[in-house]
């Protein structure tokens, strides 16, 4: 059975951690995020370390450093996804364009998870008329 560890870190620790993990040959499993009950962004970086998934959590940050230079597309894709869906910005990330939402959605600034549903409905109805 695989073990799981969760560790909270500061945003300044993200890049050095990713560099160490890469140097040791540990695979980046996933980067994912959510908005907690207080409305803060929570971003998790999960690495496979032997028989363990180590999850490093950053709480309350709207801008984080990109690790796409270290983990290439394994990091770039979820970083772009988190930007588009939640509005978390990743410094140094070379955006390739929208993944899910049309460019016209809320004038190109829409973040579906943090945009009220009624606002999304109004925008969609106006465009479809």
C-alpha atoms as a PDB file:
ATOM      1  CA  UNK A   1       0.000   0.000   0.000  1.00  0.00           C
ATOM      2  CA  UNK A   2       1.266   3.460  -0.882  1.00  0.00           C
ATOM      3  CA  UNK A   3       1.857   5.989   1.893  1.00  0.00           C
ATOM      4  CA  UNK A   4       0.760   9.631   1.812  1.00  0.00           C
ATOM      5  CA  UNK A   5       2.365  12.637   3.524  1.00  0.00           C
ATOM      6  CA  UNK A   6       1.039  16.194   3.462  1.00  0.00           C
ATOM      7  CA  UNK A   7       3.360  19.101   4.286  1.00  0.00           C
ATOM      8  CA  UNK A   8       2.532  22.819   4.199  1.00  0.00           C
ATOM      9  CA  UNK A   9       5.223  25.018   2.622  1.00  0.00           C
ATOM     10  CA  UNK A  10       5.723  28.685   1.682  1.00  0.00           C
ATOM     11  CA  UNK A  11       5.809  29.784  -1.947  1.00  0.00           C
ATOM     12  CA  UNK A  12       9.546  30.510  -1.675  1.00  0.00           C
ATOM     13  CA  UNK A  13      10.122  26.780  -1.142  1.00  0.00           C
ATOM     14  CA  UNK A  14       8.373  25.612  -4.345  1.00  0.00           C
ATOM     15  CA  UNK A  15      11.278  25.958  -6.806  1.00  0.00           C
ATOM     16  CA  UNK A  16      14.053  24.629  -4.529  1.00  0.00           C
ATOM     17  CA  UNK A  17      11.818  21.679  -3.621  1.00  0.00           C
ATOM     18  CA  UNK A  18      11.080  20.911  -7.293  1.00  0.00           C
ATOM     19  CA  UNK A  19      14.787  21.123  -8.138  1.00  0.00           C
ATOM     20  CA  UNK A  20      15.683  18.685  -5.339  1.00  0.00           C
ATOM     21  CA  UNK A  21      12.923  16.284  -6.346  1.00  0.00           C
ATOM     22  CA  UNK A  22      14.009  16.368  -9.993  1.00  0.00           C
ATOM     23  CA  UNK A  23      17.685  15.853  -9.113  1.00  0.00           C
ATOM     24  CA  UNK A  24      16.748  12.801  -7.039  1.00  0.00           C
ATOM     25  CA  UNK A  25      14.660  11.406  -9.913  1.00  0.00           C
ATOM     26  CA  UNK A  26      11.290  11.775  -8.181  1.00  0.00           C
ATOM     27  CA  UNK A  27       8.308  12.052 -10.481  1.00  0.00           C
ATOM     28  CA  UNK A  28       5.894  14.984 -10.309  1.00  0.00           C
ATOM     29  CA  UNK A  29       2.552  13.209 -10.036  1.00  0.00           C
ATOM     30  CA  UNK A  30       0.162  16.142 -10.007  1.00  0.00           C
ATOM     31  CA  UNK A  31      -0.361  19.801  -9.272  1.00  0.00           C
ATOM     32  CA  UNK A  32      -3.913  20.629  -8.274  1.00  0.00           C
ATOM     33  CA  UNK A  33      -5.755  23.297  -6.364  1.00  0.00           C
ATOM     34  CA  UNK A  34      -8.972  24.407  -4.799  1.00  0.00           C
ATOM     35  CA  UNK A  35     -10.510  27.342  -2.959  1.00  0.00           C
ATOM     36  CA  UNK A  36     -10.907  26.666   0.758  1.00  0.00           C
ATOM     37  CA  UNK A  37     -13.812  27.689   3.013  1.00  0.00           C
ATOM     38  CA  UNK A  38     -12.152  31.048   3.725  1.00  0.00           C
ATOM     39  CA  UNK A  39     -11.829  31.770  -0.004  1.00  0.00           C
ATOM     40  CA  UNK A  40      -8.059  31.198  -0.098  1.00  0.00           C
ATOM     41  CA  UNK A  41      -6.325  29.403  -2.941  1.00  0.00           C
ATOM     42  CA  UNK A  42      -4.726  26.109  -1.953  1.00  0.00           C
ATOM     43  CA  UNK A  43      -2.243  24.566  -4.409  1.00  0.00           C
ATOM     44  CA  UNK A  44      -0.816  21.057  -3.892  1.00  0.00           C
ATOM     45  CA  UNK A  45       2.343  19.694  -5.515  1.00  0.00           C
ATOM     46  CA  UNK A  46       2.483  15.906  -5.325  1.00  0.00           C
ATOM     47  CA  UNK A  47       5.656  13.888  -5.878  1.00  0.00           C
ATOM     48  CA  UNK A  48       6.241  10.147  -5.932  1.00  0.00           C
ATOM     49  CA  UNK A  49       9.025   9.388  -3.460  1.00  0.00           C
ATOM     50  CA  UNK A  50       9.582   5.647  -3.350  1.00  0.00           C
ATOM     51  CA  UNK A  51       6.420   4.070  -2.004  1.00  0.00           C
ATOM     52  CA  UNK A  52       5.027   7.403  -0.829  1.00  0.00           C
ATOM     53  CA  UNK A  53       3.139  10.326  -2.339  1.00  0.00           C
ATOM     54  CA  UNK A  54       4.450  13.504  -0.747  1.00  0.00           C
ATOM     55  CA  UNK A  55       2.036  16.410  -1.074  1.00  0.00           C
ATOM     56  CA  UNK A  56       3.352  19.937  -0.527  1.00  0.00           C
ATOM     57  CA  UNK A  57       0.585  22.473   0.063  1.00  0.00           C
ATOM     58  CA  UNK A  58       0.775  26.262  -0.412  1.00  0.00           C
ATOM     59  CA  UNK A  59      -2.126  28.230   1.096  1.00  0.00           C
ATOM     60  CA  UNK A  60      -3.379  31.753   0.427  1.00  0.00           C
ATOM     61  CA  UNK A  61      -1.208  32.754  -2.547  1.00  0.00           C
ATOM     62  CA  UNK A  62      -2.547  34.178  -5.816  1.00  0.00           C
ATOM     63  CA  UNK A  63       0.855  34.203  -7.548  1.00  0.00           C
ATOM     64  CA  UNK A  64       3.340  31.331  -7.444  1.00  0.00           C
ATOM     65  CA  UNK A  65       6.606  30.583  -9.255  1.00  0.00           C
ATOM     66  CA  UNK A  66       6.322  28.193 -12.188  1.00  0.00           C
ATOM     67  CA  UNK A  67       8.197  24.901 -12.068  1.00  0.00           C
ATOM     68  CA  UNK A  68       7.651  24.280 -15.791  1.00  0.00           C
ATOM     69  CA  UNK A  69      11.357  24.898 -16.462  1.00  0.00           C
ATOM     70  CA  UNK A  70      12.097  21.975 -14.129  1.00  0.00           C
ATOM     71  CA  UNK A  71       9.281  19.541 -14.949  1.00  0.00           C
ATOM     72  CA  UNK A  72       8.335  20.725 -18.464  1.00  0.00           C
ATOM     73  CA  UNK A  73       4.770  19.890 -19.574  1.00  0.00           C
ATOM     74  CA  UNK A  74       4.097  17.805 -16.454  1.00  0.00           C
ATOM     75  CA  UNK A  75       4.055  21.149 -14.611  1.00  0.00           C
ATOM     76  CA  UNK A  76       3.065  23.560 -17.410  1.00  0.00           C
ATOM     77  CA  UNK A  77      -0.285  21.945 -18.184  1.00  0.00           C
ATOM     78  CA  UNK A  78      -1.635  21.939 -14.590  1.00  0.00           C
ATOM     79  CA  UNK A  79      -0.223  25.438 -13.984  1.00  0.00           C
ATOM     80  CA  UNK A  80      -2.115  26.720 -17.045  1.00  0.00           C
ATOM     81  CA  UNK A  81      -5.206  24.873 -15.843  1.00  0.00           C
ATOM     82  CA  UNK A  82      -5.007  26.439 -12.372  1.00  0.00           C
ATOM     83  CA  UNK A  83      -4.607  29.884 -13.914  1.00  0.00           C
ATOM     84  CA  UNK A  84      -7.572  29.441 -16.194  1.00  0.00           C
ATOM     85  CA  UNK A  85      -9.913  27.796 -13.714  1.00  0.00           C
ATOM     86  CA  UNK A  86      -8.917  29.539 -10.475  1.00  0.00           C
ATOM     87  CA  UNK A  87      -6.921  32.637 -11.442  1.00  0.00           C
ATOM     88  CA  UNK A  88      -3.666  31.520  -9.781  1.00  0.00           C
ATOM     89  CA  UNK A  89      -0.804  33.126 -11.727  1.00  0.00           C
ATOM     90  CA  UNK A  90       2.508  31.329 -12.255  1.00  0.00           C
ATOM     91  CA  UNK A  91       5.527  33.596 -12.719  1.00  0.00           C
ATOM     92  CA  UNK A  92       7.704  32.426 -15.603  1.00  0.00           C
ATOM     93  CA  UNK A  93       5.050  30.209 -17.201  1.00  0.00           C
ATOM     94  CA  UNK A  94       4.850  30.529 -20.984  1.00  0.00           C
ATOM     95  CA  UNK A  95       1.113  30.341 -21.623  1.00  0.00           C
ATOM     96  CA  UNK A  96       0.110  28.478 -24.781  1.00  0.00           C
ATOM     97  CA  UNK A  97      -3.470  29.746 -24.868  1.00  0.00           C
ATOM     98  CA  UNK A  98      -6.789  28.812 -23.342  1.00  0.00           C
ATOM     99  CA  UNK A  99      -7.332  25.173 -22.350  1.00  0.00           C
ATOM    100  CA  UNK A 100     -11.037  25.136 -21.468  1.00  0.00           C
ATOM    101  CA  UNK A 101     -12.752  28.504 -21.644  1.00  0.00           C
ATOM    102  CA  UNK A 102     -13.278  30.480 -24.857  1.00  0.00           C
ATOM    103  CA  UNK A 103     -11.142  33.612 -25.234  1.00  0.00           C
ATOM    104  CA  UNK A 104     -14.305  35.749 -25.200  1.00  0.00           C
ATOM    105  CA  UNK A 105     -15.466  34.418 -21.840  1.00  0.00           C
ATOM    106  CA  UNK A 106     -15.705  37.412 -19.511  1.00  0.00           C
ATOM    107  CA  UNK A 107     -13.391  39.362 -21.813  1.00  0.00           C
ATOM    108  CA  UNK A 108     -10.724  36.664 -21.536  1.00  0.00           C
ATOM    109  CA  UNK A 109     -10.400  37.022 -17.768  1.00  0.00           C
ATOM    110  CA  UNK A 110     -12.897  34.382 -16.612  1.00  0.00           C
ATOM    111  CA  UNK A 111     -11.921  31.892 -13.964  1.00  0.00           C
ATOM    112  CA  UNK A 112     -14.760  29.419 -13.827  1.00  0.00           C
ATOM    113  CA  UNK A 113     -14.263  28.176 -10.269  1.00  0.00           C
ATOM    114  CA  UNK A 114     -14.242  31.621  -8.674  1.00  0.00           C
ATOM    115  CA  UNK A 115     -16.769  33.288 -11.005  1.00  0.00           C
ATOM    116  CA  UNK A 116     -20.344  33.275  -9.693  1.00  0.00           C
ATOM    117  CA  UNK A 117     -22.584  30.957 -11.713  1.00  0.00           C
ATOM    118  CA  UNK A 118     -25.121  33.715 -12.411  1.00  0.00           C
ATOM    119  CA  UNK A 119     -22.393  35.859 -13.973  1.00  0.00           C
ATOM    120  CA  UNK A 120     -21.329  32.966 -16.209  1.00  0.00           C
ATOM    121  CA  UNK A 121     -24.958  32.369 -17.260  1.00  0.00           C
ATOM    122  CA  UNK A 122     -25.519  36.046 -18.135  1.00  0.00           C
ATOM    123  CA  UNK A 123     -22.360  36.161 -20.232  1.00  0.00           C
ATOM    124  CA  UNK A 124     -23.248  32.917 -22.035  1.00  0.00           C
ATOM    125  CA  UNK A 125     -26.816  34.052 -22.788  1.00  0.00           C
ATOM    126  CA  UNK A 126     -25.627  37.421 -24.186  1.00  0.00           C
ATOM    127  CA  UNK A 127     -23.187  35.706 -26.566  1.00  0.00           C
ATOM    128  CA  UNK A 128     -25.762  33.140 -27.735  1.00  0.00           C
ATOM    129  CA  UNK A 129     -28.483  35.687 -28.588  1.00  0.00           C
END
